[in-house]
Amino acid sequence: MKKILVCEDEDAIREFETITLRRSGYEVVGAACGEEALKYFESAPNDFSVVLLDIMMPGIDGLTVCKKIREQNSRVGIIMLSAKTQEMDKVSGLMLGADDYVTKPFSPSELTARVDAICRRVAINSESAHNDVLTSGPFTLNLLSRTLTKNGAVIDLTQVEFQLMELFLSNEGTALERKYIIVRIWGENYNGDDKLVDVNIRRLRMKIEDEPSSPEHLQTVWGYGYKWMP
């Protein structure tokens, strides 16, 4: 049974999320604040498949918790829970390593679908390791060890970033539409906006490009999407 950590300071909402996920077959651990969430996670950083984090919480906010969790574990899925008015916070969460965000209020089916998608990605990435190695220019993507190196130096990637690199290196020189990237990385049932792609590309560029503002490899195809150039 997959284990989910839910961090939400409003008791009613946390109970709703917990009941929804338990009915879908997940084991759920609830935390009422950022400090409590970090305590649970740090005691067993490899036990959780997904962490749900409310952005606005008393004490340590969700963005800080996201950053601290991502520093400890690059594989766990992180979904930010936000209000419609927290647009910049959504972007900040993605830049700090979150994989997705859900805007409140949300339905049980939407929450379950987002968690299911993240869990499937974590499972696929854990189970599909093989000996393939993708190379492009100074980059080597090892699908067995799940690592990326540039000129021999290891670059730490989240699960989403690793999948993006695998997708681009497998389609070198091909322009990939944003909607195609969404389907390949987040799944066919994802109903969020294309901004999720743009923010993750921006975050990935900061890790792999010598000049992120003038990318040499991960190039924008204006009005369409992105392409990888060696």
C-alpha atoms as a PDB file:
ATOM      1  CA  MET A   1       0.000   0.000   0.000  1.00  0.00           C
ATOM      2  CA  LYS A   2       1.410   3.383  -1.016  1.00  0.00           C
ATOM      3  CA  LYS A   3       1.920   5.908   1.752  1.00  0.00           C
ATOM      4  CA  ILE A   4       0.850   9.554   1.434  1.00  0.00           C
ATOM      5  CA  LEU A   5       1.803  12.439   3.739  1.00  0.00           C
ATOM      6  CA  VAL A   6      -0.903  15.129   3.892  1.00  0.00           C
ATOM      7  CA  CYS A   7       0.047  18.487   5.418  1.00  0.00           C
ATOM      8  CA  GLU A   8      -2.967  20.793   5.794  1.00  0.00           C
ATOM      9  CA  ASP A   9      -3.697  23.035   8.786  1.00  0.00           C
ATOM     10  CA  GLU A  10      -7.496  23.088   8.318  1.00  0.00           C
ATOM     11  CA  ASP A  11      -8.894  20.029  10.093  1.00  0.00           C
ATOM     12  CA  ALA A  12     -11.976  19.672   7.876  1.00  0.00           C
ATOM     13  CA  ILE A  13      -9.993  19.839   4.643  1.00  0.00           C
ATOM     14  CA  ARG A  14      -7.327  17.462   5.953  1.00  0.00           C
ATOM     15  CA  GLU A  15     -10.028  14.988   6.986  1.00  0.00           C
ATOM     16  CA  PHE A  16     -11.618  15.270   3.530  1.00  0.00           C
ATOM     17  CA  GLU A  17      -8.279  14.588   1.835  1.00  0.00           C
ATOM     18  CA  THR A  18      -7.485  11.715   4.187  1.00  0.00           C
ATOM     19  CA  ILE A  19     -10.853   9.990   3.702  1.00  0.00           C
ATOM     20  CA  THR A  20     -10.688  10.483  -0.069  1.00  0.00           C
ATOM     21  CA  LEU A  21      -7.241   8.940  -0.364  1.00  0.00           C
ATOM     22  CA  ARG A  22      -7.921   6.090   2.050  1.00  0.00           C
ATOM     23  CA  ARG A  23     -11.002   5.131   0.042  1.00  0.00           C
ATOM     24  CA  SER A  24      -8.706   4.933  -2.981  1.00  0.00           C
ATOM     25  CA  GLY A  25      -6.454   2.461  -1.179  1.00  0.00           C
ATOM     26  CA  TYR A  26      -3.708   4.716   0.133  1.00  0.00           C
ATOM     27  CA  GLU A  27      -2.210   4.757   3.601  1.00  0.00           C
ATOM     28  CA  VAL A  28      -2.379   8.360   4.816  1.00  0.00           C
ATOM     29  CA  VAL A  29      -0.398  10.196   7.492  1.00  0.00           C
ATOM     30  CA  GLY A  30      -1.825  13.605   8.416  1.00  0.00           C
ATOM     31  CA  ALA A  31       0.123  16.628   9.652  1.00  0.00           C
ATOM     32  CA  ALA A  32      -1.430  19.874  10.901  1.00  0.00           C
ATOM     33  CA  CYS A  33       1.638  22.078  10.340  1.00  0.00           C
ATOM     34  CA  GLY A  34       4.937  22.206   8.486  1.00  0.00           C
ATOM     35  CA  GLU A  35       6.981  21.249  11.532  1.00  0.00           C
ATOM     36  CA  GLU A  36       4.913  18.111  12.054  1.00  0.00           C
ATOM     37  CA  ALA A  37       5.157  17.181   8.367  1.00  0.00           C
ATOM     38  CA  LEU A  38       8.947  17.494   8.426  1.00  0.00           C
ATOM     39  CA  LYS A  39       9.099  15.383  11.588  1.00  0.00           C
ATOM     40  CA  TYR A  40       7.124  12.586   9.939  1.00  0.00           C
ATOM     41  CA  PHE A  41       9.096  12.787   6.708  1.00  0.00           C
ATOM     42  CA  GLU A  42      12.540  12.974   8.280  1.00  0.00           C
ATOM     43  CA  SER A  43      11.781   9.919  10.424  1.00  0.00           C
ATOM     44  CA  ALA A  44      11.166   7.830   7.283  1.00  0.00           C
ATOM     45  CA  PRO A  45      12.176   9.784   4.147  1.00  0.00           C
ATOM     46  CA  ASN A  46      11.866   6.767   1.838  1.00  0.00           C
ATOM     47  CA  ASP A  47       8.487   5.524   3.065  1.00  0.00           C
ATOM     48  CA  PHE A  48       6.297   8.116   1.353  1.00  0.00           C
ATOM     49  CA  SER A  49       5.320   8.019  -2.318  1.00  0.00           C
ATOM     50  CA  VAL A  50       3.631  11.429  -2.387  1.00  0.00           C
ATOM     51  CA  VAL A  51       3.483  14.487  -0.118  1.00  0.00           C
ATOM     52  CA  LEU A  52       0.518  16.897  -0.275  1.00  0.00           C
ATOM     53  CA  LEU A  53       1.486  20.349   1.017  1.00  0.00           C
ATOM     54  CA  ASP A  54      -0.774  23.313   1.666  1.00  0.00           C
ATOM     55  CA  ILE A  55       1.131  26.459   0.678  1.00  0.00           C
ATOM     56  CA  MET A  56      -0.259  28.631   3.480  1.00  0.00           C
ATOM     57  CA  MET A  57       0.294  27.222   6.961  1.00  0.00           C
ATOM     58  CA  PRO A  58       1.208  28.687  10.343  1.00  0.00           C
ATOM     59  CA  GLY A  59       4.843  28.335  11.318  1.00  0.00           C
ATOM     60  CA  ILE A  60       6.879  26.773   8.520  1.00  0.00           C
ATOM     61  CA  ASP A  61       4.943  27.342   5.297  1.00  0.00           C
ATOM     62  CA  GLY A  62       4.440  24.774   2.568  1.00  0.00           C
ATOM     63  CA  LEU A  63       7.074  26.273   0.253  1.00  0.00           C
ATOM     64  CA  THR A  64       9.761  25.901   2.908  1.00  0.00           C
ATOM     65  CA  VAL A  65       8.636  22.352   3.678  1.00  0.00           C
ATOM     66  CA  CYS A  66       8.757  21.546  -0.048  1.00  0.00           C
ATOM     67  CA  LYS A  67      12.331  22.836  -0.304  1.00  0.00           C
ATOM     68  CA  LYS A  68      13.482  20.873   2.759  1.00  0.00           C
ATOM     69  CA  ILE A  69      11.832  17.641   1.593  1.00  0.00           C
ATOM     70  CA  ARG A  70      13.276  17.975  -1.896  1.00  0.00           C
ATOM     71  CA  GLU A  71      16.747  18.469  -0.433  1.00  0.00           C
ATOM     72  CA  GLN A  72      16.391  15.096   1.306  1.00  0.00           C
ATOM     73  CA  ASN A  73      14.659  13.090  -1.415  1.00  0.00           C
ATOM     74  CA  SER A  74      14.588  13.745  -5.170  1.00  0.00           C
ATOM     75  CA  ARG A  75      12.213  10.872  -5.939  1.00  0.00           C
ATOM     76  CA  VAL A  76       9.177  11.500  -3.729  1.00  0.00           C
ATOM     77  CA  GLY A  77       6.246  13.144  -5.483  1.00  0.00           C
ATOM     78  CA  ILE A  78       5.214  16.572  -4.149  1.00  0.00           C
ATOM     79  CA  ILE A  79       1.838  18.194  -4.864  1.00  0.00           C
ATOM     80  CA  MET A  80       1.170  21.732  -3.647  1.00  0.00           C
ATOM     81  CA  LEU A  81      -2.337  22.700  -2.510  1.00  0.00           C
ATOM     82  CA  SER A  82      -3.109  26.344  -3.228  1.00  0.00           C
ATOM     83  CA  ALA A  83      -5.885  28.918  -3.399  1.00  0.00           C
ATOM     84  CA  LYS A  84      -6.747  30.582  -6.717  1.00  0.00           C
ATOM     85  CA  THR A  85      -5.158  33.829  -5.500  1.00  0.00           C
ATOM     86  CA  GLN A  86      -1.738  32.208  -4.930  1.00  0.00           C
ATOM     87  CA  GLU A  87      -0.567  32.162  -8.560  1.00  0.00           C
ATOM     88  CA  MET A  88       3.000  33.265  -7.820  1.00  0.00           C
ATOM     89  CA  ASP A  89       3.218  30.800  -4.930  1.00  0.00           C
ATOM     90  CA  LYS A  90       2.310  27.991  -7.327  1.00  0.00           C
ATOM     91  CA  VAL A  91       5.220  28.950  -9.558  1.00  0.00           C
ATOM     92  CA  SER A  92       7.512  29.239  -6.531  1.00  0.00           C
ATOM     93  CA  GLY A  93       6.505  25.756  -5.405  1.00  0.00           C
ATOM     94  CA  LEU A  94       7.284  24.262  -8.800  1.00  0.00           C
ATOM     95  CA  MET A  95      10.627  26.050  -8.899  1.00  0.00           C
ATOM     96  CA  LEU A  96      11.457  24.599  -5.476  1.00  0.00           C
ATOM     97  CA  GLY A  97      10.873  21.062  -6.724  1.00  0.00           C
ATOM     98  CA  ALA A  98       7.132  20.360  -6.546  1.00  0.00           C
ATOM     99  CA  ASP A  99       5.784  18.068  -9.266  1.00  0.00           C
ATOM    100  CA  ASP A 100       2.250  19.424  -9.508  1.00  0.00           C
ATOM    101  CA  TYR A 101      -0.293  21.681  -7.821  1.00  0.00           C
ATOM    102  CA  VAL A 102      -4.021  21.468  -7.148  1.00  0.00           C
ATOM    103  CA  THR A 103      -6.147  24.594  -6.734  1.00  0.00           C
ATOM    104  CA  LYS A 104      -8.725  24.624  -3.929  1.00  0.00           C
ATOM    105  CA  PRO A 105     -11.561  23.818  -3.893  1.00  0.00           C
ATOM    106  CA  PHE A 106     -11.062  20.498  -5.657  1.00  0.00           C
ATOM    107  CA  SER A 107     -13.161  17.374  -6.038  1.00  0.00           C
ATOM    108  CA  PRO A 108     -12.311  13.925  -4.643  1.00  0.00           C
ATOM    109  CA  SER A 109     -11.840  12.616  -8.196  1.00  0.00           C
ATOM    110  CA  GLU A 110      -9.403  15.395  -9.119  1.00  0.00           C
ATOM    111  CA  LEU A 111      -7.308  14.884  -5.982  1.00  0.00           C
ATOM    112  CA  THR A 112      -7.215  11.111  -6.488  1.00  0.00           C
ATOM    113  CA  ALA A 113      -6.322  11.476 -10.173  1.00  0.00           C
ATOM    114  CA  ARG A 114      -3.391  13.778  -9.389  1.00  0.00           C
ATOM    115  CA  VAL A 115      -2.071  11.479  -6.647  1.00  0.00           C
ATOM    116  CA  ASP A 116      -2.556   8.389  -8.842  1.00  0.00           C
ATOM    117  CA  ALA A 117      -0.578  10.013 -11.657  1.00  0.00           C
ATOM    118  CA  ILE A 118       2.337  10.902  -9.388  1.00  0.00           C
ATOM    119  CA  CYS A 119       2.359   7.421  -7.840  1.00  0.00           C
ATOM    120  CA  ARG A 120       2.388   5.763 -11.257  1.00  0.00           C
ATOM    121  CA  ARG A 121       5.337   7.906 -12.282  1.00  0.00           C
ATOM    122  CA  VAL A 122       7.265   7.073  -9.109  1.00  0.00           C
ATOM    123  CA  ALA A 123       6.546   3.356  -9.603  1.00  0.00           C
ATOM    124  CA  ILE A 124       7.524   3.373 -13.278  1.00  0.00           C
ATOM    125  CA  ASN A 125      10.747   5.214 -12.547  1.00  0.00           C
ATOM    126  CA  SER A 126      11.595   2.763  -9.774  1.00  0.00           C
ATOM    127  CA  GLU A 127      10.763  -0.403 -11.706  1.00  0.00           C
ATOM    128  CA  SER A 128      11.782   0.363 -15.287  1.00  0.00           C
ATOM    129  CA  ALA A 129      15.512   0.693 -14.661  1.00  0.00           C
ATOM    130  CA  HIS A 130      17.599  -0.942 -17.380  1.00  0.00           C
ATOM    131  CA  ASN A 131      21.036  -0.588 -18.945  1.00  0.00           C
ATOM    132  CA  ASP A 132      20.165   2.036 -21.534  1.00  0.00           C
ATOM    133  CA  VAL A 133      22.252   5.176 -21.586  1.00  0.00           C
ATOM    134  CA  LEU A 134      21.284   8.284 -23.555  1.00  0.00           C
ATOM    135  CA  THR A 135      24.022  10.694 -24.564  1.00  0.00           C
ATOM    136  CA  SER A 136      23.858  14.124 -26.173  1.00  0.00           C
ATOM    137  CA  GLY A 137      26.793  16.490 -26.351  1.00  0.00           C
ATOM    138  CA  PRO A 138      28.275  16.780 -22.844  1.00  0.00           C
ATOM    139  CA  PHE A 139      25.259  15.042 -21.249  1.00  0.00           C
ATOM    140  CA  THR A 140      24.856  11.389 -20.262  1.00  0.00           C
ATOM    141  CA  LEU A 141      21.537  10.136 -18.930  1.00  0.00           C
ATOM    142  CA  ASN A 142      21.860   6.746 -17.240  1.00  0.00           C
ATOM    143  CA  LEU A 143      18.456   5.033 -17.042  1.00  0.00           C
ATOM    144  CA  LEU A 144      19.776   2.339 -14.711  1.00  0.00           C
ATOM    145  CA  SER A 145      21.201   4.595 -12.011  1.00  0.00           C
ATOM    146  CA  ARG A 146      18.671   7.370 -12.804  1.00  0.00           C
ATOM    147  CA  THR A 147      21.444   9.952 -13.019  1.00  0.00           C
ATOM    148  CA  LEU A 148      22.377  12.795 -15.342  1.00  0.00           C
ATOM    149  CA  THR A 149      25.955  13.948 -15.796  1.00  0.00           C
ATOM    150  CA  LYS A 150      27.355  16.903 -17.705  1.00  0.00           C
ATOM    151  CA  ASN A 151      31.026  16.565 -18.588  1.00  0.00           C
ATOM    152  CA  GLY A 152      31.200  13.886 -15.889  1.00  0.00           C
ATOM    153  CA  ALA A 153      29.659  16.018 -13.124  1.00  0.00           C
ATOM    154  CA  VAL A 154      26.404  14.702 -11.628  1.00  0.00           C
ATOM    155  CA  ILE A 155      23.343  16.979 -11.803  1.00  0.00           C
ATOM    156  CA  ASP A 156      20.643  16.339  -9.194  1.00  0.00           C
ATOM    157  CA  LEU A 157      17.208  15.986 -10.781  1.00  0.00           C
ATOM    158  CA  THR A 158      13.686  15.474  -9.502  1.00  0.00           C
ATOM    159  CA  GLN A 159      11.575  12.694 -11.021  1.00  0.00           C
ATOM    160  CA  VAL A 160       9.847  15.151 -13.352  1.00  0.00           C
ATOM    161  CA  GLU A 161      13.144  16.684 -14.462  1.00  0.00           C
ATOM    162  CA  PHE A 162      14.600  13.235 -15.141  1.00  0.00           C
ATOM    163  CA  GLN A 163      11.571  12.294 -17.226  1.00  0.00           C
ATOM    164  CA  LEU A 164      11.829  15.544 -19.176  1.00  0.00           C
ATOM    165  CA  MET A 165      15.476  14.862 -19.937  1.00  0.00           C
ATOM    166  CA  GLU A 166      14.650  11.311 -21.043  1.00  0.00           C
ATOM    167  CA  LEU A 167      11.871  12.625 -23.292  1.00  0.00           C
ATOM    168  CA  PHE A 168      14.031  15.306 -24.905  1.00  0.00           C
ATOM    169  CA  LEU A 169      17.131  13.159 -25.355  1.00  0.00           C
ATOM    170  CA  SER A 170      14.966  10.462 -26.946  1.00  0.00           C
ATOM    171  CA  ASN A 171      13.626  13.069 -29.404  1.00  0.00           C
ATOM    172  CA  GLU A 172      16.754  15.066 -30.145  1.00  0.00           C
ATOM    173  CA  GLY A 173      16.177  17.911 -32.589  1.00  0.00           C
ATOM    174  CA  THR A 174      12.396  17.366 -32.635  1.00  0.00           C
ATOM    175  CA  ALA A 175      10.040  20.157 -31.577  1.00  0.00           C
ATOM    176  CA  LEU A 176       7.705  18.825 -28.880  1.00  0.00           C
ATOM    177  CA  GLU A 177       4.376  20.551 -28.310  1.00  0.00           C
ATOM    178  CA  ARG A 178       3.497  21.555 -24.744  1.00  0.00           C
ATOM    179  CA  LYS A 179       0.364  19.402 -24.753  1.00  0.00           C
ATOM    180  CA  TYR A 180       2.398  16.410 -25.915  1.00  0.00           C
ATOM    181  CA  ILE A 181       4.860  16.967 -23.078  1.00  0.00           C
ATOM    182  CA  ILE A 182       1.954  17.190 -20.612  1.00  0.00           C
ATOM    183  CA  VAL A 183       0.566  13.837 -21.773  1.00  0.00           C
ATOM    184  CA  ARG A 184       3.957  12.093 -21.700  1.00  0.00           C
ATOM    185  CA  ILE A 185       5.003  13.405 -18.283  1.00  0.00           C
ATOM    186  CA  TRP A 186       1.784  14.076 -16.350  1.00  0.00           C
ATOM    187  CA  GLY A 187      -0.610  11.715 -18.141  1.00  0.00           C
ATOM    188  CA  GLU A 188      -3.605  11.957 -20.468  1.00  0.00           C
ATOM    189  CA  ASN A 189      -6.028  12.843 -17.679  1.00  0.00           C
ATOM    190  CA  TYR A 190      -4.102  15.906 -16.483  1.00  0.00           C
ATOM    191  CA  ASN A 191      -6.437  18.902 -16.609  1.00  0.00           C
ATOM    192  CA  GLY A 192      -4.133  21.685 -15.463  1.00  0.00           C
ATOM    193  CA  ASP A 193      -2.672  24.427 -17.647  1.00  0.00           C
ATOM    194  CA  ASP A 194       0.455  24.443 -19.801  1.00  0.00           C
ATOM    195  CA  LYS A 195       2.280  26.683 -17.332  1.00  0.00           C
ATOM    196  CA  LEU A 196       3.347  23.544 -15.499  1.00  0.00           C
ATOM    197  CA  VAL A 197       5.558  22.672 -18.474  1.00  0.00           C
ATOM    198  CA  ASP A 198       7.069  26.152 -18.726  1.00  0.00           C
ATOM    199  CA  VAL A 199       7.982  26.346 -15.039  1.00  0.00           C
ATOM    200  CA  ASN A 200       9.591  22.910 -15.049  1.00  0.00           C
ATOM    201  CA  ILE A 201      11.560  23.767 -18.187  1.00  0.00           C
ATOM    202  CA  ARG A 202      12.763  26.969 -16.518  1.00  0.00           C
ATOM    203  CA  ARG A 203      13.836  24.998 -13.451  1.00  0.00           C
ATOM    204  CA  LEU A 204      15.600  22.377 -15.573  1.00  0.00           C
ATOM    205  CA  ARG A 205      17.462  25.028 -17.555  1.00  0.00           C
ATOM    206  CA  MET A 206      18.844  26.462 -14.324  1.00  0.00           C
ATOM    207  CA  LYS A 207      20.466  23.086 -13.667  1.00  0.00           C
ATOM    208  CA  ILE A 208      21.771  22.122 -17.094  1.00  0.00           C
ATOM    209  CA  GLU A 209      22.473  25.285 -19.078  1.00  0.00           C
ATOM    210  CA  ASP A 210      25.599  27.421 -18.762  1.00  0.00           C
ATOM    211  CA  GLU A 211      23.414  30.479 -19.463  1.00  0.00           C
ATOM    212  CA  PRO A 212      19.793  29.636 -18.524  1.00  0.00           C
ATOM    213  CA  SER A 213      18.532  32.936 -19.962  1.00  0.00           C
ATOM    214  CA  SER A 214      20.092  32.028 -23.331  1.00  0.00           C
ATOM    215  CA  PRO A 215      19.746  28.236 -23.493  1.00  0.00           C
ATOM    216  CA  GLU A 216      21.976  26.315 -25.870  1.00  0.00           C
ATOM    217  CA  HIS A 217      20.351  22.897 -25.506  1.00  0.00           C
ATOM    218  CA  LEU A 218      16.765  23.179 -24.229  1.00  0.00           C
ATOM    219  CA  GLN A 219      15.416  25.673 -26.734  1.00  0.00           C
ATOM    220  CA  THR A 220      12.005  27.327 -26.976  1.00  0.00           C
ATOM    221  CA  VAL A 221       9.910  26.883 -30.112  1.00  0.00           C
ATOM    222  CA  TRP A 222       7.782  30.001 -29.807  1.00  0.00           C
ATOM    223  CA  GLY A 223       4.040  29.432 -29.788  1.00  0.00           C
ATOM    224  CA  TYR A 224       4.529  25.678 -29.826  1.00  0.00           C
ATOM    225  CA  GLY A 225       6.812  24.071 -27.253  1.00  0.00           C
ATOM    226  CA  TYR A 226      10.445  23.060 -26.834  1.00  0.00           C
ATOM    227  CA  LYS A 227      13.190  21.067 -28.521  1.00  0.00           C
ATOM    228  CA  TRP A 228      16.546  19.615 -27.502  1.00  0.00           C
ATOM    229  CA  MET A 229      19.673  20.486 -29.444  1.00  0.00           C
ATOM    230  CA  PRO A 230      22.966  18.717 -28.720  1.00  0.00           C
END
